[in-house]
Amino acid sequence: DISKTFRAYLIIFPDSESRLIELAHALFTNRYETVRGALKERIPSTDLLAMLRGLWEDATAIDEVISEAALPAFSLETTRDIIKQHIATAFLHLQNEISDVLVTHSTSNEKLEESQLQTAMEKSKIKVSQGCIDLLQEFRHLIDGNTELLVKLKDLIIDWVQEGFQDFFQKLDGHFHLLSGRSTGFSQESSTVDFVQIDKVPTVLVLMLAQLCVFIEQTTIPKVTEDLADSFSGGGARSSEYGPPFVPGEICRLYRSSGEKFLQHYINIKTQKISKLLNKRFSTPVWLKVSYPIQHELFFVH
């Protein structure tokens, strides 16, 4: 019991209270920094809670010996920041995983067969839907505990989770636009696409993004909304002037619009590539046509 060590220190050095307070803060600062370091890797919520719970129990035990150190208040504030960081990190990891699936399957072979394209799309859909479900399950552990620490932070955690999904879907949409080679501000009416940009972006990736946007709008958002209502209702720590933390209608409109833009972008790319190819072939020098009459005839046959 760490409180026994602190109590013994006070008995041996009765006039060292201020020094003991400094030591206590240094000790807990270092221990919490160790926890922050663990967040750099994606760790399960249960493991994180086990570390935080142990620190909280030690802080409350020492508080009985030397309350002037105010370790419970220090621990509560630090735990608050750590859990918020844990939630944000989890969303970032999921976004990266979704991006990896899309890029891996779309760039491995530009000319995917229909069955291969369907397989790649299914894997992308599973990563999005199952990823969100897994996150929700992870975050439930943060509010299911009945320890004093989690009870104090429950409303905040609910708000962070709802805000996290709102921010996640918005950032994922922006990331989709970056993967497509265009910014979120490109115009659907525009039919001009830079050829250099086209060459860098797999056409199949743009098509996959269009289909994935439809899936997110019609399937993922309703599922996440339902689960949030079941397990993460309440909250209220967020100021009312900012409105509700999660607005599914707004996210659905965002992905509906992006899906339409990606589809138009896909059509533009295909049109420009065909136009570029035709211009190149029709501009073939006359001496090449004379030298290679067979290929020339075959071109017109096709």
Protein backbone atom coordinates (compact mmCIF):
# COMPACT_ATOMS: atom_id res chain seq x y z
CA ASP A 1 0.00 0.00 0.00
CA ILE A 2 1.63 3.23 -1.20
CA SER A 3 -0.12 5.24 1.50
CA LYS A 4 1.85 3.36 4.16
CA THR A 5 5.09 4.53 2.56
CA PHE A 6 3.93 8.15 2.66
CA ARG A 7 2.70 7.79 6.23
CA ALA A 8 6.03 6.32 7.34
CA TYR A 9 7.89 9.16 5.63
CA LEU A 10 5.88 11.72 7.61
CA ILE A 11 6.56 9.89 10.86
CA ILE A 12 10.30 9.76 10.21
CA PHE A 13 10.46 13.32 8.84
CA PRO A 14 7.59 15.20 10.55
CA ASP A 15 8.60 18.59 9.11
CA SER A 16 8.91 17.40 5.50
CA GLU A 17 5.29 17.82 4.38
CA SER A 18 6.07 20.31 1.61
CA ARG A 19 8.85 18.10 0.31
CA LEU A 20 6.53 15.10 0.38
CA ILE A 21 3.93 16.99 -1.64
CA GLU A 22 6.56 17.73 -4.29
CA LEU A 23 7.58 14.08 -4.37
CA ALA A 24 3.98 12.96 -4.70
CA HIS A 25 3.31 15.25 -7.65
CA ALA A 26 6.57 14.20 -9.35
CA LEU A 27 5.72 10.54 -8.84
CA PHE A 28 2.22 10.79 -10.28
CA THR A 29 3.32 13.05 -13.13
CA ASN A 30 5.83 10.41 -14.21
CA ARG A 31 3.31 7.60 -13.87
CA TYR A 32 0.73 9.43 -15.95
CA GLU A 33 3.37 10.21 -18.58
CA THR A 34 3.95 6.47 -18.85
CA VAL A 35 0.24 6.03 -19.57
CA ARG A 36 0.36 8.78 -22.21
CA GLY A 37 3.27 7.00 -23.84
CA ALA A 38 1.19 3.84 -24.09
CA LEU A 39 -1.44 5.78 -26.08
CA LYS A 40 0.99 6.10 -28.98
CA GLU A 41 0.11 2.50 -29.70
CA ARG A 42 -3.52 1.51 -29.97
CA ILE A 43 -4.30 -0.11 -26.63
CA PRO A 44 -7.66 -1.61 -25.55
CA SER A 45 -9.87 0.54 -23.36
CA THR A 46 -9.87 -2.20 -20.72
CA ASP A 47 -6.06 -2.01 -20.42
CA LEU A 48 -6.15 1.77 -20.23
CA LEU A 49 -8.81 1.70 -17.53
CA ALA A 50 -6.81 -0.79 -15.50
CA MET A 51 -3.84 1.61 -15.46
CA LEU A 52 -5.98 4.65 -14.67
CA ARG A 53 -7.94 2.85 -11.98
CA GLY A 54 -4.74 1.82 -10.21
CA LEU A 55 -3.46 5.40 -10.26
CA TRP A 56 -6.78 6.73 -8.98
CA GLU A 57 -6.81 4.26 -6.08
CA ASP A 58 -3.27 5.25 -5.13
CA ALA A 59 -4.15 8.94 -5.36
CA THR A 60 -7.17 8.59 -3.05
CA ALA A 61 -5.16 6.48 -0.61
CA ILE A 62 -2.38 9.07 -0.39
CA ASP A 63 -5.00 11.80 -0.04
CA GLU A 64 -5.94 10.28 3.33
CA VAL A 65 -2.36 10.80 4.47
CA ILE A 66 -1.58 14.20 2.94
CA SER A 67 -4.67 15.88 1.55
CA GLU A 68 -2.75 19.09 0.85
CA ALA A 69 -1.24 17.39 -2.22
CA ALA A 70 -4.71 17.37 -3.82
CA LEU A 71 -3.84 14.23 -5.78
CA PRO A 72 -7.46 13.21 -6.53
CA ALA A 73 -8.09 16.54 -8.29
CA PHE A 74 -4.79 16.24 -10.15
CA SER A 75 -5.59 12.65 -11.15
CA LEU A 76 -9.11 13.50 -12.28
CA GLU A 77 -7.89 16.29 -14.55
CA THR A 78 -5.08 14.20 -15.99
CA THR A 79 -7.34 11.19 -16.53
CA ARG A 80 -9.80 13.46 -18.31
CA ASP A 81 -7.13 14.51 -20.82
CA ILE A 82 -5.85 10.95 -21.29
CA ILE A 83 -9.29 9.46 -22.02
CA LYS A 84 -10.05 12.28 -24.46
CA GLN A 85 -6.75 11.59 -26.22
CA HIS A 86 -7.48 7.85 -26.25
CA ILE A 87 -10.81 8.42 -28.01
CA ALA A 88 -9.28 10.77 -30.59
CA THR A 89 -6.41 8.33 -31.26
CA ALA A 90 -8.84 5.45 -31.80
CA PHE A 91 -10.72 7.41 -34.49
CA LEU A 92 -7.45 8.36 -36.20
CA HIS A 93 -6.34 4.73 -36.33
CA LEU A 94 -9.65 3.70 -37.90
CA GLN A 95 -9.37 6.40 -40.57
CA ASN A 96 -5.86 5.19 -41.45
CA GLU A 97 -7.02 1.56 -41.61
CA ILE A 98 -9.87 2.44 -43.98
CA SER A 99 -7.48 4.42 -46.18
CA ASP A 100 -5.02 1.51 -46.28
CA VAL A 101 -7.71 -0.91 -47.45
CA LEU A 102 -8.86 1.43 -50.21
CA VAL A 103 -5.39 2.29 -51.49
CA THR A 104 -4.08 -1.29 -51.30
CA HIS A 105 -6.91 -2.79 -53.34
CA SER A 106 -7.24 0.02 -55.86
CA THR A 107 -3.56 0.52 -56.68
CA SER A 108 -2.55 -3.15 -56.80
CA ASN A 109 -4.26 -3.49 -60.17
CA GLU A 110 -5.82 -0.60 -62.06
CA LYS A 111 -7.80 -2.94 -64.33
CA LEU A 112 -9.69 -4.92 -61.74
CA GLU A 113 -12.16 -7.50 -62.97
CA GLU A 114 -15.76 -6.98 -61.87
CA SER A 115 -15.49 -9.79 -59.29
CA GLN A 116 -12.24 -8.34 -57.92
CA LEU A 117 -13.78 -4.88 -57.69
CA GLN A 118 -16.74 -6.33 -55.81
CA THR A 119 -14.39 -8.10 -53.39
CA ALA A 120 -12.40 -4.93 -52.80
CA MET A 121 -15.60 -2.98 -52.18
CA GLU A 122 -16.86 -5.55 -49.68
CA LYS A 123 -13.60 -5.40 -47.75
CA SER A 124 -13.80 -1.61 -47.64
CA LYS A 125 -17.41 -1.72 -46.42
CA ILE A 126 -16.54 -4.26 -43.73
CA LYS A 127 -13.64 -2.14 -42.53
CA VAL A 128 -15.90 0.91 -42.20
CA SER A 129 -18.90 -0.79 -40.59
CA GLN A 130 -17.01 -3.25 -38.37
CA GLY A 131 -14.50 -0.56 -37.45
CA CYS A 132 -17.28 1.69 -36.14
CA ILE A 133 -18.89 -1.20 -34.27
CA ASP A 134 -15.57 -2.12 -32.65
CA LEU A 135 -15.00 1.49 -31.58
CA LEU A 136 -18.43 1.67 -30.00
CA GLN A 137 -17.72 -1.53 -28.09
CA GLU A 138 -14.36 -0.16 -26.95
CA PHE A 139 -15.89 3.10 -25.79
CA ARG A 140 -18.66 1.31 -23.84
CA HIS A 141 -15.98 0.07 -21.45
CA LEU A 142 -15.23 3.69 -20.58
CA ILE A 143 -18.72 4.33 -19.23
CA ASP A 144 -19.76 0.88 -17.96
CA GLY A 145 -17.57 0.99 -14.87
CA ASN A 146 -19.06 2.17 -11.59
CA THR A 147 -15.84 3.45 -10.05
CA GLU A 148 -15.88 6.98 -8.69
CA LEU A 149 -13.46 8.07 -11.39
CA LEU A 150 -15.66 6.94 -14.32
CA VAL A 151 -18.84 8.23 -12.73
CA LYS A 152 -17.30 11.70 -12.55
CA LEU A 153 -16.29 11.59 -16.22
CA LYS A 154 -19.26 9.75 -17.74
CA ASP A 155 -21.07 12.78 -19.19
CA LEU A 156 -17.85 14.10 -20.68
CA ILE A 157 -17.02 10.72 -22.23
CA ILE A 158 -20.47 10.49 -23.83
CA ASP A 159 -20.00 13.93 -25.36
CA TRP A 160 -16.49 13.06 -26.58
CA VAL A 161 -17.71 9.88 -28.26
CA GLN A 162 -20.57 11.65 -30.03
CA GLU A 163 -18.32 14.55 -31.04
CA GLY A 164 -15.70 12.02 -32.10
CA PHE A 165 -18.01 10.31 -34.58
CA GLN A 166 -19.13 13.66 -36.00
CA ASP A 167 -15.52 14.75 -36.46
CA PHE A 168 -14.45 11.31 -37.73
CA PHE A 169 -17.00 11.18 -40.54
CA GLN A 170 -16.23 14.75 -41.57
CA LYS A 171 -12.48 14.11 -41.67
CA LEU A 172 -12.97 10.77 -43.45
CA ASP A 173 -14.96 12.56 -46.15
CA GLY A 174 -12.17 15.10 -46.56
CA HIS A 175 -9.64 12.27 -46.71
CA PHE A 176 -11.68 10.57 -49.45
CA HIS A 177 -11.43 13.74 -51.54
CA LEU A 178 -7.67 13.83 -51.05
CA LEU A 179 -7.39 10.19 -52.14
CA SER A 180 -9.40 11.00 -55.27
CA GLY A 181 -6.85 13.65 -56.21
CA ARG A 182 -9.23 16.53 -55.71
CA SER A 183 -9.94 18.86 -52.80
CA THR A 184 -13.36 19.00 -51.16
CA GLY A 185 -14.06 22.19 -53.06
CA PHE A 186 -14.06 20.82 -56.59
CA SER A 187 -17.14 21.58 -58.66
CA GLN A 188 -19.44 18.84 -59.87
CA GLU A 189 -20.24 20.92 -62.96
CA SER A 190 -16.59 21.21 -63.92
CA SER A 191 -15.59 18.88 -66.74
CA THR A 192 -11.94 19.84 -66.81
CA VAL A 193 -9.49 17.55 -65.04
CA ASP A 194 -5.76 17.97 -65.03
CA PHE A 195 -4.11 15.13 -66.97
CA VAL A 196 -1.19 14.90 -64.58
CA GLN A 197 -3.59 14.46 -61.69
CA ILE A 198 -5.55 11.82 -63.61
CA ASP A 199 -2.46 9.75 -64.24
CA LYS A 200 -1.72 9.66 -60.51
CA VAL A 201 -5.19 8.60 -59.33
CA PRO A 202 -6.46 5.07 -60.09
CA THR A 203 -9.83 5.38 -61.79
CA VAL A 204 -11.14 2.39 -59.86
CA LEU A 205 -10.36 4.18 -56.56
CA VAL A 206 -12.67 7.06 -57.49
CA LEU A 207 -15.43 4.60 -58.33
CA MET A 208 -14.91 2.78 -55.03
CA LEU A 209 -15.09 6.07 -53.14
CA ALA A 210 -18.41 6.91 -54.82
CA GLN A 211 -19.87 3.53 -53.85
CA LEU A 212 -18.46 3.71 -50.33
CA CYS A 213 -20.07 7.11 -49.77
CA VAL A 214 -23.46 5.62 -50.63
CA PHE A 215 -22.83 2.74 -48.20
CA ILE A 216 -21.81 5.09 -45.38
CA GLU A 217 -24.85 7.31 -45.93
CA GLN A 218 -27.42 4.51 -46.19
CA THR A 219 -26.00 1.87 -43.82
CA THR A 220 -23.19 3.02 -41.54
CA ILE A 221 -24.63 6.32 -40.30
CA PRO A 222 -28.04 4.83 -39.35
CA LYS A 223 -26.30 1.99 -37.47
CA VAL A 224 -23.97 4.33 -35.59
CA THR A 225 -26.88 6.64 -34.77
CA GLU A 226 -28.88 3.73 -33.34
CA ASP A 227 -25.97 2.47 -31.21
CA LEU A 228 -25.18 5.95 -29.91
CA ALA A 229 -28.82 6.39 -28.87
CA ASP A 230 -28.76 3.02 -27.08
CA SER A 231 -25.46 3.31 -25.24
CA PHE A 232 -24.30 6.92 -25.32
CA SER A 233 -27.40 8.99 -24.73
CA GLY A 234 -27.21 11.79 -22.21
CA GLY A 235 -23.98 13.66 -21.90
CA GLY A 236 -24.71 17.35 -21.58
CA ALA A 237 -21.27 18.51 -20.46
CA ARG A 238 -20.95 20.26 -23.82
CA SER A 239 -22.26 23.82 -23.95
CA SER A 240 -25.72 24.04 -25.52
CA GLU A 241 -24.65 26.97 -27.70
CA TYR A 242 -22.66 24.56 -29.87
CA GLY A 243 -25.69 22.40 -30.60
CA PRO A 244 -25.83 18.57 -30.43
CA PRO A 245 -22.44 16.83 -30.71
CA PHE A 246 -23.58 14.31 -33.35
CA VAL A 247 -25.87 15.34 -36.22
CA PRO A 248 -26.53 12.30 -38.47
CA GLY A 249 -28.63 14.26 -40.97
CA GLU A 250 -25.73 16.60 -41.61
CA ILE A 251 -23.32 13.69 -42.14
CA CYS A 252 -25.75 11.91 -44.47
CA ARG A 253 -26.08 15.03 -46.63
CA LEU A 254 -22.30 15.35 -46.72
CA TYR A 255 -21.78 11.81 -48.01
CA ARG A 256 -24.68 12.02 -50.45
CA SER A 257 -23.10 15.10 -51.97
CA SER A 258 -19.63 13.55 -52.01
CA GLY A 259 -20.92 10.36 -53.63
CA GLU A 260 -22.41 12.41 -56.47
CA LYS A 261 -19.19 14.38 -56.87
CA PHE A 262 -17.04 11.25 -56.97
CA LEU A 263 -19.30 9.73 -59.61
CA GLN A 264 -19.03 12.88 -61.71
CA HIS A 265 -15.29 12.93 -61.10
CA TYR A 266 -15.08 9.30 -62.29
CA ILE A 267 -16.99 10.16 -65.49
CA ASN A 268 -14.76 13.19 -66.09
CA ILE A 269 -11.60 11.13 -65.67
CA LYS A 270 -12.79 8.41 -68.07
CA THR A 271 -13.89 11.01 -70.61
CA GLN A 272 -10.62 12.90 -70.44
CA LYS A 273 -8.54 9.73 -70.72
CA ILE A 274 -10.48 8.62 -73.81
CA SER A 275 -10.19 12.09 -75.31
CA LYS A 276 -6.46 12.16 -74.67
CA LEU A 277 -6.03 8.73 -76.26
CA LEU A 278 -8.07 9.66 -79.34
CA ASN A 279 -6.20 12.92 -79.79
CA LYS A 280 -2.91 11.07 -79.61
CA ARG A 281 -3.96 8.47 -82.18
CA PHE A 282 -5.52 10.91 -84.63
CA SER A 283 -2.44 13.11 -84.45
CA THR A 284 -0.15 10.22 -85.53
CA PRO A 285 2.28 11.44 -88.26
CA VAL A 286 1.48 10.40 -91.85
CA TRP A 287 4.79 8.58 -92.29
CA LEU A 288 3.87 6.28 -89.38
CA LYS A 289 0.55 5.44 -91.02
CA VAL A 290 2.37 4.57 -94.25
CA SER A 291 5.02 2.52 -92.47
CA TYR A 292 2.48 0.55 -90.45
CA PRO A 293 -0.59 0.15 -92.67
CA ILE A 294 -1.79 -2.97 -90.86
CA GLN A 295 -1.88 -1.34 -87.44
CA HIS A 296 -3.49 1.71 -89.01
CA GLU A 297 -6.28 -0.39 -90.52
CA LEU A 298 -6.74 -2.31 -87.28
CA PHE A 299 -7.16 0.99 -85.43
CA PHE A 300 -10.06 1.99 -87.63
CA VAL A 301 -11.59 -1.48 -87.45
CA HIS A 302 -11.72 -1.17 -83.68
